[in-house]
Protein backbone atom coordinates (compact mmCIF):
# COMPACT_ATOMS: atom_id res chain seq x y z
CA GLY A 1 0.00 0.00 0.00
CA GLU A 2 2.58 2.60 1.09
CA ALA A 3 5.03 1.69 -1.69
CA LEU A 4 2.25 1.95 -4.27
CA ALA A 5 1.18 5.36 -2.98
CA ARG A 6 4.79 6.61 -3.05
CA SER A 7 5.38 5.23 -6.56
CA GLU A 8 2.29 7.01 -7.91
CA LYS A 9 3.82 10.31 -6.87
CA GLU A 10 7.01 9.34 -8.71
CA GLY A 11 5.37 8.49 -12.05
CA GLY A 12 3.89 5.06 -11.49
CA LEU A 13 4.98 1.50 -10.87
CA LEU A 14 5.79 -1.52 -13.01
CA ILE A 15 5.59 -4.81 -11.14
CA LEU A 16 7.27 -7.86 -12.70
CA VAL A 17 6.24 -11.30 -11.44
CA ASP A 18 7.42 -14.77 -12.29
CA PHE A 19 4.38 -16.83 -13.22
CA PRO A 20 1.13 -15.69 -14.87
CA GLY A 21 -1.86 -16.59 -12.73
CA GLY A 22 0.22 -17.42 -9.67
CA THR A 23 -0.33 -15.92 -6.23
CA PRO A 24 2.13 -13.02 -6.68
CA ASP A 25 0.49 -12.12 -10.02
CA ASN A 26 -3.03 -12.27 -8.57
CA VAL A 27 -2.16 -10.22 -5.48
CA CYS A 28 -0.21 -7.59 -7.44
CA ARG A 29 -2.96 -7.21 -10.03
CA ARG A 30 -5.48 -6.54 -7.24
CA LEU A 31 -3.17 -4.01 -5.60
CA ALA A 32 -2.43 -2.27 -8.91
CA GLN A 33 -6.07 -1.94 -9.94
CA GLY A 34 -7.19 1.67 -10.16
CA ARG A 35 -3.64 2.98 -9.67
CA ASN A 36 -0.90 4.20 -11.96
CA ALA A 37 0.63 0.73 -12.00
CA ALA A 38 1.00 -2.23 -14.35
CA VAL A 39 1.84 -5.88 -13.75
CA ALA A 40 3.74 -8.03 -16.25
CA ALA A 41 3.94 -11.77 -15.59
CA GLY A 42 6.31 -14.41 -16.98
CA LEU A 43 9.49 -12.65 -15.90
CA ASN A 44 12.73 -13.48 -17.65
CA LEU A 45 16.09 -11.73 -17.74
CA ALA A 46 15.36 -9.93 -21.03
CA MET A 47 12.23 -8.40 -19.49
CA LEU A 48 14.10 -7.27 -16.40
CA ILE A 49 16.95 -5.68 -18.37
CA HIS A 50 14.50 -3.87 -20.63
CA ALA A 51 12.44 -2.60 -17.70
CA LEU A 52 15.53 -1.33 -15.88
CA SER A 53 16.92 0.42 -18.95
CA HIS A 54 13.61 1.98 -20.12
CA ARG A 55 12.20 3.73 -17.06
CA ASP A 56 10.62 6.64 -18.96
CA GLY A 57 6.97 6.56 -19.90
CA SER A 58 3.91 5.11 -18.25
CA PRO A 59 3.83 1.80 -16.39
CA ARG A 60 1.59 0.36 -19.13
CA GLU A 61 4.12 1.31 -21.83
CA ALA A 62 6.95 -0.12 -19.73
CA ALA A 63 5.04 -3.37 -19.25
CA GLY A 64 4.38 -3.71 -22.98
CA GLY A 65 8.03 -3.09 -23.82
CA ALA A 66 9.20 -5.56 -21.18
CA VAL A 67 6.84 -8.26 -22.47
CA GLU A 68 8.00 -7.74 -26.07
CA ALA A 69 11.66 -7.90 -24.99
CA GLY A 70 10.91 -11.07 -23.04
CA LYS A 71 9.29 -12.72 -26.07
CA LYS A 72 12.23 -11.80 -28.29
CA GLY A 73 14.63 -13.23 -25.72
CA ILE A 74 13.12 -16.73 -25.96
CA ARG A 75 14.54 -18.97 -28.68
CA VAL A 76 15.97 -22.37 -29.38
CA THR A 77 19.73 -22.03 -29.66
CA VAL A 78 20.63 -25.70 -30.22
CA SER A 79 18.59 -28.39 -31.90
CA SER A 80 19.41 -31.97 -32.79
């Protein structure tokens, strides 16, 4: 509650969680509702790096960019 209130004064909050539909995702989505906050689930390193290096803009824009970066970071590098 307090961290969310403080983050709204500072431009909003992007919350990254590990697993879509898991407890952290569900709780964070409820807390973020009606606030200047966004939740992106399915966290991987590409998402985290993108979010940390693109802190300008709204939380919704940051979430979209992080999700796209995460998708691009997933690939098969070796096949038999």
